[in-house]
Amino acid sequence: MTGIVFHATERRDAVVEFYRERLNASVRLEQPDCTILEFDGFLFGFCERDAADDCGILTFVYPDRDGVDAASERLGDAVVTEPRENETYDIYQCFAEDPEGRTVECQVFLDEGVDIE
């Protein structure tokens, strides 16, 4: 089973480039006013609209801390919280913002018993 999360955007080209260049997402489908991206099975899209959606968090899950650290490096100046351990959720995470201010989280579950695939 799969699904797609869509977000309204005023700056589709810049937003799509951000996720492609900084998080290695790939374009799965181009439509007249929407682009659907994919990251390791996570499908998300951006549709050109009069106002941007900037609510919620797009969370990208990595297999290990090195993946989170590498993502943080690629995110560069977009990072707002450097990689750190979050004991409450037993994760290692960092936060960034995309060009329209959406929150982007990169994380790994530290508990090896967690399986979200």
PDB file of N, CA and C in Angstrom:
ATOM      1  N   MET A   1       0.842  -1.162   0.000  1.00  0.00           N
ATOM      2  CA  MET A   1       0.000   0.000   0.000  1.00  0.00           C
ATOM      3  C   MET A   1       0.895   1.235   0.000  1.00  0.00           C
ATOM      4  N   THR A   2       0.438   2.278  -0.676  1.00  0.00           N
ATOM      5  CA  THR A   2       1.200   3.510  -0.722  1.00  0.00           C
ATOM      6  C   THR A   2       0.261   4.698  -0.683  1.00  0.00           C
ATOM      7  N   GLY A   3       0.803   5.860  -0.533  1.00  0.00           N
ATOM      8  CA  GLY A   3       0.032   7.097  -0.529  1.00  0.00           C
ATOM      9  C   GLY A   3       0.940   8.254  -0.884  1.00  0.00           C
ATOM     10  N   ILE A   4       0.344   9.410  -1.068  1.00  0.00           N
ATOM     11  CA  ILE A   4       1.085  10.623  -1.403  1.00  0.00           C
ATOM     12  C   ILE A   4       0.570  11.744  -0.521  1.00  0.00           C
ATOM     13  N   VAL A   5       1.477  12.525   0.036  1.00  0.00           N
ATOM     14  CA  VAL A   5       1.123  13.725   0.778  1.00  0.00           C
ATOM     15  C   VAL A   5       1.400  14.909  -0.142  1.00  0.00           C
ATOM     16  N   PHE A   6       0.371  15.740  -0.371  1.00  0.00           N
ATOM     17  CA  PHE A   6       0.533  16.910  -1.234  1.00  0.00           C
ATOM     18  C   PHE A   6       0.572  18.189  -0.411  1.00  0.00           C
ATOM     19  N   HIS A   7       1.357  19.143  -0.904  1.00  0.00           N
ATOM     20  CA  HIS A   7       1.462  20.459  -0.284  1.00  0.00           C
ATOM     21  C   HIS A   7       1.271  21.517  -1.361  1.00  0.00           C
ATOM     22  N   ALA A   8       0.526  22.560  -1.031  1.00  0.00           N
ATOM     23  CA  ALA A   8       0.393  23.699  -1.930  1.00  0.00           C
ATOM     24  C   ALA A   8       1.686  24.519  -1.858  1.00  0.00           C
ATOM     25  N   THR A   9       2.110  25.045  -2.998  1.00  0.00           N
ATOM     26  CA  THR A   9       3.328  25.832  -3.058  1.00  0.00           C
ATOM     27  C   THR A   9       3.153  27.026  -3.979  1.00  0.00           C
ATOM     28  N   GLU A  10       3.830  28.095  -3.649  1.00  0.00           N
ATOM     29  CA  GLU A  10       3.897  29.268  -4.517  1.00  0.00           C
ATOM     30  C   GLU A  10       5.198  29.261  -5.312  1.00  0.00           C
ATOM     31  N   ARG A  11       6.134  28.385  -4.941  1.00  0.00           N
ATOM     32  CA  ARG A  11       7.470  28.372  -5.546  1.00  0.00           C
ATOM     33  C   ARG A  11       7.868  26.939  -5.887  1.00  0.00           C
ATOM     34  N   ARG A  12       7.091  26.295  -6.733  1.00  0.00           N
ATOM     35  CA  ARG A  12       7.286  24.872  -7.007  1.00  0.00           C
ATOM     36  C   ARG A  12       8.712  24.554  -7.459  1.00  0.00           C
ATOM     37  N   ASP A  13       9.260  25.307  -8.404  1.00  0.00           N
ATOM     38  CA  ASP A  13      10.598  24.996  -8.911  1.00  0.00           C
ATOM     39  C   ASP A  13      11.644  25.033  -7.804  1.00  0.00           C
ATOM     40  N   ALA A  14      11.626  26.064  -6.977  1.00  0.00           N
ATOM     41  CA  ALA A  14      12.614  26.193  -5.900  1.00  0.00           C
ATOM     42  C   ALA A  14      12.446  25.097  -4.854  1.00  0.00           C
ATOM     43  N   VAL A  15      11.196  24.773  -4.526  1.00  0.00           N
ATOM     44  CA  VAL A  15      10.924  23.753  -3.516  1.00  0.00           C
ATOM     45  C   VAL A  15      11.341  22.372  -4.032  1.00  0.00           C
ATOM     46  N   VAL A  16      10.985  22.043  -5.262  1.00  0.00           N
ATOM     47  CA  VAL A  16      11.364  20.755  -5.845  1.00  0.00           C
ATOM     48  C   VAL A  16      12.886  20.646  -5.923  1.00  0.00           C
ATOM     49  N   GLU A  17      13.547  21.704  -6.346  1.00  0.00           N
ATOM     50  CA  GLU A  17      15.011  21.685  -6.413  1.00  0.00           C
ATOM     51  C   GLU A  17      15.621  21.452  -5.038  1.00  0.00           C
ATOM     52  N   PHE A  18      15.058  22.069  -4.000  1.00  0.00           N
ATOM     53  CA  PHE A  18      15.545  21.899  -2.630  1.00  0.00           C
ATOM     54  C   PHE A  18      15.526  20.418  -2.238  1.00  0.00           C
ATOM     55  N   TYR A  19      14.395  19.756  -2.435  1.00  0.00           N
ATOM     56  CA  TYR A  19      14.285  18.348  -2.027  1.00  0.00           C
ATOM     57  C   TYR A  19      15.130  17.432  -2.911  1.00  0.00           C
ATOM     58  N   ARG A  20      15.268  17.764  -4.179  1.00  0.00           N
ATOM     59  CA  ARG A  20      16.100  16.953  -5.077  1.00  0.00           C
ATOM     60  C   ARG A  20      17.583  17.128  -4.742  1.00  0.00           C
ATOM     61  N   GLU A  21      18.016  18.362  -4.621  1.00  0.00           N
ATOM     62  CA  GLU A  21      19.439  18.649  -4.419  1.00  0.00           C
ATOM     63  C   GLU A  21      19.911  18.368  -2.999  1.00  0.00           C
ATOM     64  N   ARG A  22      19.120  18.722  -2.028  1.00  0.00           N
ATOM     65  CA  ARG A  22      19.590  18.630  -0.638  1.00  0.00           C
ATOM     66  C   ARG A  22      19.237  17.315   0.048  1.00  0.00           C
ATOM     67  N   LEU A  23      18.152  16.653  -0.388  1.00  0.00           N
ATOM     68  CA  LEU A  23      17.761  15.410   0.264  1.00  0.00           C
ATOM     69  C   LEU A  23      17.741  14.215  -0.686  1.00  0.00           C
ATOM     70  N   ASN A  24      18.217  14.417  -1.894  1.00  0.00           N
ATOM     71  CA  ASN A  24      18.331  13.336  -2.890  1.00  0.00           C
ATOM     72  C   ASN A  24      16.998  12.692  -3.247  1.00  0.00           C
ATOM     73  N   ALA A  25      15.915  13.440  -3.162  1.00  0.00           N
ATOM     74  CA  ALA A  25      14.619  12.937  -3.625  1.00  0.00           C
ATOM     75  C   ALA A  25      14.641  12.903  -5.150  1.00  0.00           C
ATOM     76  N   SER A  26      13.843  12.025  -5.714  1.00  0.00           N
ATOM     77  CA  SER A  26      13.764  11.947  -7.173  1.00  0.00           C
ATOM     78  C   SER A  26      12.343  12.267  -7.631  1.00  0.00           C
ATOM     79  N   VAL A  27      12.251  12.795  -8.841  1.00  0.00           N
ATOM     80  CA  VAL A  27      10.945  13.107  -9.407  1.00  0.00           C
ATOM     81  C   VAL A  27      10.311  11.809  -9.891  1.00  0.00           C
ATOM     82  N   ARG A  28       9.127  11.505  -9.405  1.00  0.00           N
ATOM     83  CA  ARG A  28       8.380  10.320  -9.836  1.00  0.00           C
ATOM     84  C   ARG A  28       7.390  10.662 -10.925  1.00  0.00           C
ATOM     85  N   LEU A  29       6.795  11.880 -10.858  1.00  0.00           N
ATOM     86  CA  LEU A  29       5.806  12.254 -11.858  1.00  0.00           C
ATOM     87  C   LEU A  29       5.695  13.763 -11.935  1.00  0.00           C
ATOM     88  N   GLU A  30       5.697  14.270 -13.163  1.00  0.00           N
ATOM     89  CA  GLU A  30       5.426  15.685 -13.419  1.00  0.00           C
ATOM     90  C   GLU A  30       4.020  15.794 -13.982  1.00  0.00           C
ATOM     91  N   GLN A  31       3.235  16.675 -13.421  1.00  0.00           N
ATOM     92  CA  GLN A  31       1.897  16.956 -13.906  1.00  0.00           C
ATOM     93  C   GLN A  31       1.829  18.444 -14.245  1.00  0.00           C
ATOM     94  N   PRO A  32       0.749  18.916 -14.862  1.00  0.00           N
ATOM     95  CA  PRO A  32       0.715  20.316 -15.290  1.00  0.00           C
ATOM     96  C   PRO A  32       1.079  21.333 -14.204  1.00  0.00           C
ATOM     97  N   ASP A  33       0.597  21.142 -12.990  1.00  0.00           N
ATOM     98  CA  ASP A  33       0.932  22.095 -11.932  1.00  0.00           C
ATOM     99  C   ASP A  33       1.413  21.415 -10.653  1.00  0.00           C
ATOM    100  N   CYS A  34       1.750  20.123 -10.723  1.00  0.00           N
ATOM    101  CA  CYS A  34       2.214  19.366  -9.557  1.00  0.00           C
ATOM    102  C   CYS A  34       3.435  18.529  -9.913  1.00  0.00           C
ATOM    103  N   THR A  35       4.324  18.394  -8.944  1.00  0.00           N
ATOM    104  CA  THR A  35       5.462  17.488  -9.057  1.00  0.00           C
ATOM    105  C   THR A  35       5.390  16.518  -7.897  1.00  0.00           C
ATOM    106  N   ILE A  36       5.462  15.213  -8.194  1.00  0.00           N
ATOM    107  CA  ILE A  36       5.483  14.194  -7.154  1.00  0.00           C
ATOM    108  C   ILE A  36       6.909  13.695  -7.018  1.00  0.00           C
ATOM    109  N   LEU A  37       7.426  13.757  -5.791  1.00  0.00           N
ATOM    110  CA  LEU A  37       8.779  13.325  -5.472  1.00  0.00           C
ATOM    111  C   LEU A  37       8.739  12.031  -4.675  1.00  0.00           C
ATOM    112  N   GLU A  38       9.886  11.330  -4.658  1.00  0.00           N
ATOM    113  CA  GLU A  38      10.004  10.080  -3.904  1.00  0.00           C
ATOM    114  C   GLU A  38      11.341  10.057  -3.185  1.00  0.00           C
ATOM    115  N   PHE A  39      11.289   9.626  -1.934  1.00  0.00           N
ATOM    116  CA  PHE A  39      12.493   9.411  -1.134  1.00  0.00           C
ATOM    117  C   PHE A  39      12.321   8.084  -0.411  1.00  0.00           C
ATOM    118  N   ASP A  40      13.014   7.073  -0.871  1.00  0.00           N
ATOM    119  CA  ASP A  40      13.015   5.767  -0.219  1.00  0.00           C
ATOM    120  C   ASP A  40      11.597   5.260   0.077  1.00  0.00           C
ATOM    121  N   GLY A  41      10.702   5.386  -0.897  1.00  0.00           N
ATOM    122  CA  GLY A  41       9.325   4.921  -0.735  1.00  0.00           C
ATOM    123  C   GLY A  41       8.351   5.966  -0.226  1.00  0.00           C
ATOM    124  N   PHE A  42       8.845   7.087   0.273  1.00  0.00           N
ATOM    125  CA  PHE A  42       8.002   8.181   0.765  1.00  0.00           C
ATOM    126  C   PHE A  42       7.647   9.062  -0.430  1.00  0.00           C
ATOM    127  N   LEU A  43       6.352   9.132  -0.766  1.00  0.00           N
ATOM    128  CA  LEU A  43       5.883   9.953  -1.884  1.00  0.00           C
ATOM    129  C   LEU A  43       5.283  11.242  -1.343  1.00  0.00           C
ATOM    130  N   PHE A  44       5.724  12.363  -1.894  1.00  0.00           N
ATOM    131  CA  PHE A  44       5.205  13.662  -1.493  1.00  0.00           C
ATOM    132  C   PHE A  44       5.230  14.581  -2.703  1.00  0.00           C
ATOM    133  N   GLY A  45       4.234  15.461  -2.780  1.00  0.00           N
ATOM    134  CA  GLY A  45       4.106  16.299  -3.953  1.00  0.00           C
ATOM    135  C   GLY A  45       3.885  17.752  -3.605  1.00  0.00           C
ATOM    136  N   PHE A  46       4.198  18.583  -4.583  1.00  0.00           N
ATOM    137  CA  PHE A  46       4.018  20.029  -4.450  1.00  0.00           C
ATOM    138  C   PHE A  46       3.224  20.517  -5.644  1.00  0.00           C
ATOM    139  N   CYS A  47       2.114  21.200  -5.361  1.00  0.00           N
ATOM    140  CA  CYS A  47       1.223  21.696  -6.401  1.00  0.00           C
ATOM    141  C   CYS A  47       1.174  23.220  -6.354  1.00  0.00           C
ATOM    142  N   GLU A  48       1.369  23.835  -7.505  1.00  0.00           N
ATOM    143  CA  GLU A  48       1.364  25.289  -7.620  1.00  0.00           C
ATOM    144  C   GLU A  48      -0.020  25.824  -7.266  1.00  0.00           C
ATOM    145  N   ARG A  49      -0.051  26.706  -6.253  1.00  0.00           N
ATOM    146  CA  ARG A  49      -1.303  27.309  -5.800  1.00  0.00           C
ATOM    147  C   ARG A  49      -1.064  28.771  -5.441  1.00  0.00           C
ATOM    148  N   ASP A  50      -2.138  29.488  -5.094  1.00  0.00           N
ATOM    149  CA  ASP A  50      -2.026  30.901  -4.747  1.00  0.00           C
ATOM    150  C   ASP A  50      -1.402  31.136  -3.377  1.00  0.00           C
ATOM    151  N   ALA A  51      -1.459  30.121  -2.508  1.00  0.00           N
ATOM    152  CA  ALA A  51      -0.880  30.231  -1.169  1.00  0.00           C
ATOM    153  C   ALA A  51      -0.196  28.908  -0.824  1.00  0.00           C
ATOM    154  N   ALA A  52       0.915  28.986  -0.114  1.00  0.00           N
ATOM    155  CA  ALA A  52       1.680  27.789   0.253  1.00  0.00           C
ATOM    156  C   ALA A  52       1.190  27.201   1.566  1.00  0.00           C
ATOM    157  N   ASP A  53       1.175  25.859   1.653  1.00  0.00           N
ATOM    158  CA  ASP A  53       0.953  25.157   2.917  1.00  0.00           C
ATOM    159  C   ASP A  53       2.309  25.047   3.602  1.00  0.00           C
ATOM    160  N   ASP A  54       2.391  25.471   4.841  1.00  0.00           N
ATOM    161  CA  ASP A  54       3.658  25.321   5.556  1.00  0.00           C
ATOM    162  C   ASP A  54       3.454  24.672   6.925  1.00  0.00           C
ATOM    163  N   CYS A  55       2.357  23.955   7.066  1.00  0.00           N
ATOM    164  CA  CYS A  55       2.055  23.257   8.319  1.00  0.00           C
ATOM    165  C   CYS A  55       2.619  21.837   8.281  1.00  0.00           C
ATOM    166  N   GLY A  56       2.770  21.257   9.435  1.00  0.00           N
ATOM    167  CA  GLY A  56       3.226  19.878   9.528  1.00  0.00           C
ATOM    168  C   GLY A  56       4.730  19.758   9.403  1.00  0.00           C
ATOM    169  N   ILE A  57       5.189  18.515   9.397  1.00  0.00           N
ATOM    170  CA  ILE A  57       6.618  18.202   9.300  1.00  0.00           C
ATOM    171  C   ILE A  57       6.794  17.116   8.253  1.00  0.00           C
ATOM    172  N   LEU A  58       7.708  17.316   7.340  1.00  0.00           N
ATOM    173  CA  LEU A  58       8.103  16.250   6.409  1.00  0.00           C
ATOM    174  C   LEU A  58       9.283  15.548   7.063  1.00  0.00           C
ATOM    175  N   THR A  59       9.105  14.296   7.472  1.00  0.00           N
ATOM    176  CA  THR A  59      10.143  13.554   8.168  1.00  0.00           C
ATOM    177  C   THR A  59      10.741  12.503   7.248  1.00  0.00           C
ATOM    178  N   PHE A  60      12.058  12.543   7.137  1.00  0.00           N
ATOM    179  CA  PHE A  60      12.823  11.613   6.318  1.00  0.00           C
ATOM    180  C   PHE A  60      13.591  10.697   7.268  1.00  0.00           C
ATOM    181  N   VAL A  61      13.350   9.398   7.156  1.00  0.00           N
ATOM    182  CA  VAL A  61      13.930   8.427   8.079  1.00  0.00           C
ATOM    183  C   VAL A  61      15.139   7.774   7.424  1.00  0.00           C
ATOM    184  N   TYR A  62      16.220   7.737   8.158  1.00  0.00           N
ATOM    185  CA  TYR A  62      17.485   7.170   7.686  1.00  0.00           C
ATOM    186  C   TYR A  62      17.810   5.906   8.467  1.00  0.00           C
ATOM    187  N   PRO A  63      18.681   5.059   7.927  1.00  0.00           N
ATOM    188  CA  PRO A  63      18.995   3.800   8.609  1.00  0.00           C
ATOM    189  C   PRO A  63      19.964   3.949   9.784  1.00  0.00           C
ATOM    190  N   ASP A  64      20.692   5.091   9.830  1.00  0.00           N
ATOM    191  CA  ASP A  64      21.684   5.248  10.899  1.00  0.00           C
ATOM    192  C   ASP A  64      22.023   6.728  11.101  1.00  0.00           C
ATOM    193  N   ARG A  65      22.797   6.993  12.157  1.00  0.00           N
ATOM    194  CA  ARG A  65      23.206   8.361  12.481  1.00  0.00           C
ATOM    195  C   ARG A  65      23.997   9.001  11.347  1.00  0.00           C
ATOM    196  N   ASP A  66      24.840   8.199  10.688  1.00  0.00           N
ATOM    197  CA  ASP A  66      25.648   8.746   9.591  1.00  0.00           C
ATOM    198  C   ASP A  66      24.754   9.316   8.493  1.00  0.00           C
ATOM    199  N   GLY A  67      23.627   8.655   8.227  1.00  0.00           N
ATOM    200  CA  GLY A  67      22.685   9.154   7.230  1.00  0.00           C
ATOM    201  C   GLY A  67      22.102  10.494   7.625  1.00  0.00           C
ATOM    202  N   VAL A  68      21.753  10.648   8.896  1.00  0.00           N
ATOM    203  CA  VAL A  68      21.225  11.917   9.400  1.00  0.00           C
ATOM    204  C   VAL A  68      22.298  12.993   9.316  1.00  0.00           C
ATOM    205  N   ASP A  69      23.519  12.659   9.722  1.00  0.00           N
ATOM    206  CA  ASP A  69      24.614  13.633   9.666  1.00  0.00           C
ATOM    207  C   ASP A  69      24.891  14.075   8.232  1.00  0.00           C
ATOM    208  N   ALA A  70      24.879  13.139   7.296  1.00  0.00           N
ATOM    209  CA  ALA A  70      25.115  13.464   5.890  1.00  0.00           C
ATOM    210  C   ALA A  70      23.987  14.350   5.354  1.00  0.00           C
ATOM    211  N   ALA A  71      22.747  14.046   5.730  1.00  0.00           N
ATOM    212  CA  ALA A  71      21.619  14.873   5.300  1.00  0.00           C
ATOM    213  C   ALA A  71      21.753  16.283   5.865  1.00  0.00           C
ATOM    214  N   SER A  72      22.160  16.380   7.119  1.00  0.00           N
ATOM    215  CA  SER A  72      22.348  17.686   7.741  1.00  0.00           C
ATOM    216  C   SER A  72      23.407  18.494   6.989  1.00  0.00           C
ATOM    217  N   GLU A  73      24.474  17.843   6.592  1.00  0.00           N
ATOM    218  CA  GLU A  73      25.518  18.532   5.828  1.00  0.00           C
ATOM    219  C   GLU A  73      24.979  19.022   4.486  1.00  0.00           C
ATOM    220  N   ARG A  74      24.198  18.188   3.796  1.00  0.00           N
ATOM    221  CA  ARG A  74      23.624  18.597   2.507  1.00  0.00           C
ATOM    222  C   ARG A  74      22.621  19.732   2.678  1.00  0.00           C
ATOM    223  N   LEU A  75      21.887  19.721   3.794  1.00  0.00           N
ATOM    224  CA  LEU A  75      20.906  20.773   4.051  1.00  0.00           C
ATOM    225  C   LEU A  75      21.580  22.117   4.327  1.00  0.00           C
ATOM    226  N   GLY A  76      22.792  22.085   4.849  1.00  0.00           N
ATOM    227  CA  GLY A  76      23.590  23.298   5.026  1.00  0.00           C
ATOM    228  C   GLY A  76      22.892  24.395   5.793  1.00  0.00           C
ATOM    229  N   ASP A  77      22.782  25.561   5.155  1.00  0.00           N
ATOM    230  CA  ASP A  77      22.223  26.737   5.823  1.00  0.00           C
ATOM    231  C   ASP A  77      20.722  26.633   6.094  1.00  0.00           C
ATOM    232  N   ALA A  78      20.069  25.591   5.607  1.00  0.00           N
ATOM    233  CA  ALA A  78      18.646  25.383   5.894  1.00  0.00           C
ATOM    234  C   ALA A  78      18.431  24.744   7.268  1.00  0.00           C
ATOM    235  N   VAL A  79      19.493  24.201   7.869  1.00  0.00           N
ATOM    236  CA  VAL A  79      19.387  23.541   9.178  1.00  0.00           C
ATOM    237  C   VAL A  79      19.090  24.580  10.264  1.00  0.00           C
ATOM    238  N   VAL A  80      18.078  24.283  11.074  1.00  0.00           N
ATOM    239  CA  VAL A  80      17.738  25.158  12.200  1.00  0.00           C
ATOM    240  C   VAL A  80      18.054  24.504  13.544  1.00  0.00           C
ATOM    241  N   THR A  81      18.148  23.180  13.581  1.00  0.00           N
ATOM    242  CA  THR A  81      18.564  22.451  14.778  1.00  0.00           C
ATOM    243  C   THR A  81      19.540  21.371  14.337  1.00  0.00           C
ATOM    244  N   GLU A  82      20.765  21.476  14.804  1.00  0.00           N
ATOM    245  CA  GLU A  82      21.814  20.518  14.448  1.00  0.00           C
ATOM    246  C   GLU A  82      21.443  19.108  14.939  1.00  0.00           C
ATOM    247  N   PRO A  83      22.027  18.075  14.349  1.00  0.00           N
ATOM    248  CA  PRO A  83      21.739  16.705  14.790  1.00  0.00           C
ATOM    249  C   PRO A  83      21.971  16.530  16.291  1.00  0.00           C
ATOM    250  N   ARG A  84      21.013  15.864  16.920  1.00  0.00           N
ATOM    251  CA  ARG A  84      21.100  15.615  18.367  1.00  0.00           C
ATOM    252  C   ARG A  84      20.243  14.415  18.707  1.00  0.00           C
ATOM    253  N   GLU A  85      20.522  13.854  19.862  1.00  0.00           N
ATOM    254  CA  GLU A  85      19.722  12.731  20.343  1.00  0.00           C
ATOM    255  C   GLU A  85      18.502  13.277  21.072  1.00  0.00           C
ATOM    256  N   ASN A  86      17.347  12.656  20.835  1.00  0.00           N
ATOM    257  CA  ASN A  86      16.106  13.011  21.507  1.00  0.00           C
ATOM    258  C   ASN A  86      15.704  11.795  22.342  1.00  0.00           C
ATOM    259  N   GLU A  87      15.948  11.871  23.653  1.00  0.00           N
ATOM    260  CA  GLU A  87      15.711  10.735  24.539  1.00  0.00           C
ATOM    261  C   GLU A  87      14.227  10.396  24.669  1.00  0.00           C
ATOM    262  N   THR A  88      13.365  11.385  24.543  1.00  0.00           N
ATOM    263  CA  THR A  88      11.932  11.147  24.679  1.00  0.00           C
ATOM    264  C   THR A  88      11.450  10.108  23.673  1.00  0.00           C
ATOM    265  N   TYR A  89      11.909  10.228  22.433  1.00  0.00           N
ATOM    266  CA  TYR A  89      11.459   9.334  21.360  1.00  0.00           C
ATOM    267  C   TYR A  89      12.509   8.307  20.958  1.00  0.00           C
ATOM    268  N   ASP A  90      13.663   8.342  21.617  1.00  0.00           N
ATOM    269  CA  ASP A  90      14.767   7.433  21.317  1.00  0.00           C
ATOM    270  C   ASP A  90      15.149   7.517  19.835  1.00  0.00           C
ATOM    271  N   ILE A  91      15.369   8.768  19.402  1.00  0.00           N
ATOM    272  CA  ILE A  91      15.773   9.024  18.025  1.00  0.00           C
ATOM    273  C   ILE A  91      16.962   9.976  17.999  1.00  0.00           C
ATOM    274  N   TYR A  92      17.613  10.047  16.867  1.00  0.00           N
ATOM    275  CA  TYR A  92      18.657  11.014  16.573  1.00  0.00           C
ATOM    276  C   TYR A  92      18.109  11.822  15.416  1.00  0.00           C
ATOM    277  N   GLN A  93      18.111  13.174  15.522  1.00  0.00           N
ATOM    278  CA  GLN A  93      17.388  13.980  14.563  1.00  0.00           C
ATOM    279  C   GLN A  93      18.024  15.346  14.346  1.00  0.00           C
ATOM    280  N   CYS A  94      17.666  15.948  13.231  1.00  0.00           N
ATOM    281  CA  CYS A  94      17.947  17.352  12.994  1.00  0.00           C
ATOM    282  C   CYS A  94      16.733  17.953  12.297  1.00  0.00           C
ATOM    283  N   PHE A  95      16.642  19.278  12.340  1.00  0.00           N
ATOM    284  CA  PHE A  95      15.535  19.981  11.702  1.00  0.00           C
ATOM    285  C   PHE A  95      16.076  21.043  10.759  1.00  0.00           C
ATOM    286  N   ALA A  96      15.324  21.272   9.695  1.00  0.00           N
ATOM    287  CA  ALA A  96      15.651  22.308   8.719  1.00  0.00           C
ATOM    288  C   ALA A  96      14.353  22.941   8.241  1.00  0.00           C
ATOM    289  N   GLU A  97      14.476  23.961   7.396  1.00  0.00           N
ATOM    290  CA  GLU A  97      13.316  24.577   6.762  1.00  0.00           C
ATOM    291  C   GLU A  97      13.534  24.604   5.265  1.00  0.00           C
ATOM    292  N   ASP A  98      12.468  24.278   4.517  1.00  0.00           N
ATOM    293  CA  ASP A  98      12.562  24.361   3.059  1.00  0.00           C
ATOM    294  C   ASP A  98      12.363  25.820   2.629  1.00  0.00           C
ATOM    295  N   PRO A  99      12.453  26.129   1.342  1.00  0.00           N
ATOM    296  CA  PRO A  99      12.377  27.525   0.897  1.00  0.00           C
ATOM    297  C   PRO A  99      11.090  28.264   1.247  1.00  0.00           C
ATOM    298  N   GLU A 100      10.024  27.546   1.572  1.00  0.00           N
ATOM    299  CA  GLU A 100       8.779  28.207   1.961  1.00  0.00           C
ATOM    300  C   GLU A 100       8.507  28.108   3.457  1.00  0.00           C
ATOM    301  N   GLY A 101       9.470  27.622   4.218  1.00  0.00           N
ATOM    302  CA  GLY A 101       9.334  27.580   5.668  1.00  0.00           C
ATOM    303  C   GLY A 101       8.748  26.314   6.243  1.00  0.00           C
ATOM    304  N   ARG A 102       8.543  25.276   5.404  1.00  0.00           N
ATOM    305  CA  ARG A 102       8.070  23.995   5.933  1.00  0.00           C
ATOM    306  C   ARG A 102       9.160  23.371   6.791  1.00  0.00           C
ATOM    307  N   THR A 103       8.750  22.706   7.859  1.00  0.00           N
ATOM    308  CA  THR A 103       9.702  22.015   8.719  1.00  0.00           C
ATOM    309  C   THR A 103      10.075  20.675   8.089  1.00  0.00           C
ATOM    310  N   VAL A 104      11.374  20.445   8.026  1.00  0.00           N
ATOM    311  CA  VAL A 104      11.936  19.201   7.498  1.00  0.00           C
ATOM    312  C   VAL A 104      12.712  18.544   8.631  1.00  0.00           C
ATOM    313  N   GLU A 105      12.416  17.285   8.896  1.00  0.00           N
ATOM    314  CA  GLU A 105      13.117  16.533   9.933  1.00  0.00           C
ATOM    315  C   GLU A 105      13.835  15.354   9.287  1.00  0.00           C
ATOM    316  N   CYS A 106      15.070  15.139   9.698  1.00  0.00           N
ATOM    317  CA  CYS A 106      15.819  13.941   9.307  1.00  0.00           C
ATOM    318  C   CYS A 106      16.102  13.193  10.596  1.00  0.00           C
ATOM    319  N   GLN A 107      15.771  11.886  10.627  1.00  0.00           N
ATOM    320  CA  GLN A 107      15.905  11.147  11.877  1.00  0.00           C
ATOM    321  C   GLN A 107      16.235   9.685  11.637  1.00  0.00           C
ATOM    322  N   VAL A 108      16.728   9.070  12.710  1.00  0.00           N
ATOM    323  CA  VAL A 108      16.899   7.623  12.759  1.00  0.00           C
ATOM    324  C   VAL A 108      16.354   7.161  14.111  1.00  0.00           C
ATOM    325  N   PHE A 109      15.656   6.030  14.108  1.00  0.00           N
ATOM    326  CA  PHE A 109      15.210   5.423  15.355  1.00  0.00           C
ATOM    327  C   PHE A 109      16.403   4.695  15.962  1.00  0.00           C
ATOM    328  N   LEU A 110      16.701   4.965  17.230  1.00  0.00           N
ATOM    329  CA  LEU A 110      17.844   4.352  17.884  1.00  0.00           C
ATOM    330  C   LEU A 110      17.534   2.968  18.440  1.00  0.00           C
ATOM    331  N   ASP A 111      16.284   2.718  18.731  1.00  0.00           N
ATOM    332  CA  ASP A 111      15.852   1.406  19.223  1.00  0.00           C
ATOM    333  C   ASP A 111      15.811   0.442  18.056  1.00  0.00           C
ATOM    334  N   GLU A 112      16.691  -0.531  18.044  1.00  0.00           N
ATOM    335  CA  GLU A 112      16.767  -1.478  16.927  1.00  0.00           C
ATOM    336  C   GLU A 112      15.502  -2.312  16.782  1.00  0.00           C
ATOM    337  N   GLY A 113      14.650  -2.338  17.800  1.00  0.00           N
ATOM    338  CA  GLY A 113      13.417  -3.085  17.740  1.00  0.00           C
ATOM    339  C   GLY A 113      12.314  -2.362  16.974  1.00  0.00           C
ATOM    340  N   VAL A 114      12.529  -1.094  16.674  1.00  0.00           N
ATOM    341  CA  VAL A 114      11.540  -0.333  15.913  1.00  0.00           C
ATOM    342  C   VAL A 114      11.672  -0.669  14.439  1.00  0.00           C
ATOM    343  N   ASP A 115      10.555  -1.044  13.833  1.00  0.00           N
ATOM    344  CA  ASP A 115      10.531  -1.377  12.412  1.00  0.00           C
ATOM    345  C   ASP A 115       9.318  -0.697  11.799  1.00  0.00           C
ATOM    346  N   ILE A 116       9.568   0.352  10.993  1.00  0.00           N
ATOM    347  CA  ILE A 116       8.450   1.084  10.395  1.00  0.00           C
ATOM    348  C   ILE A 116       8.297   0.791   8.900  1.00  0.00           C
ATOM    349  N   GLU A 117       9.008  -0.187   8.403  1.00  0.00           N
ATOM    350  CA  GLU A 117       8.898  -0.513   6.969  1.00  0.00           C
ATOM    351  C   GLU A 117       7.702  -1.391   6.701  1.00  0.00           C
TER     352      GLU A 117
END
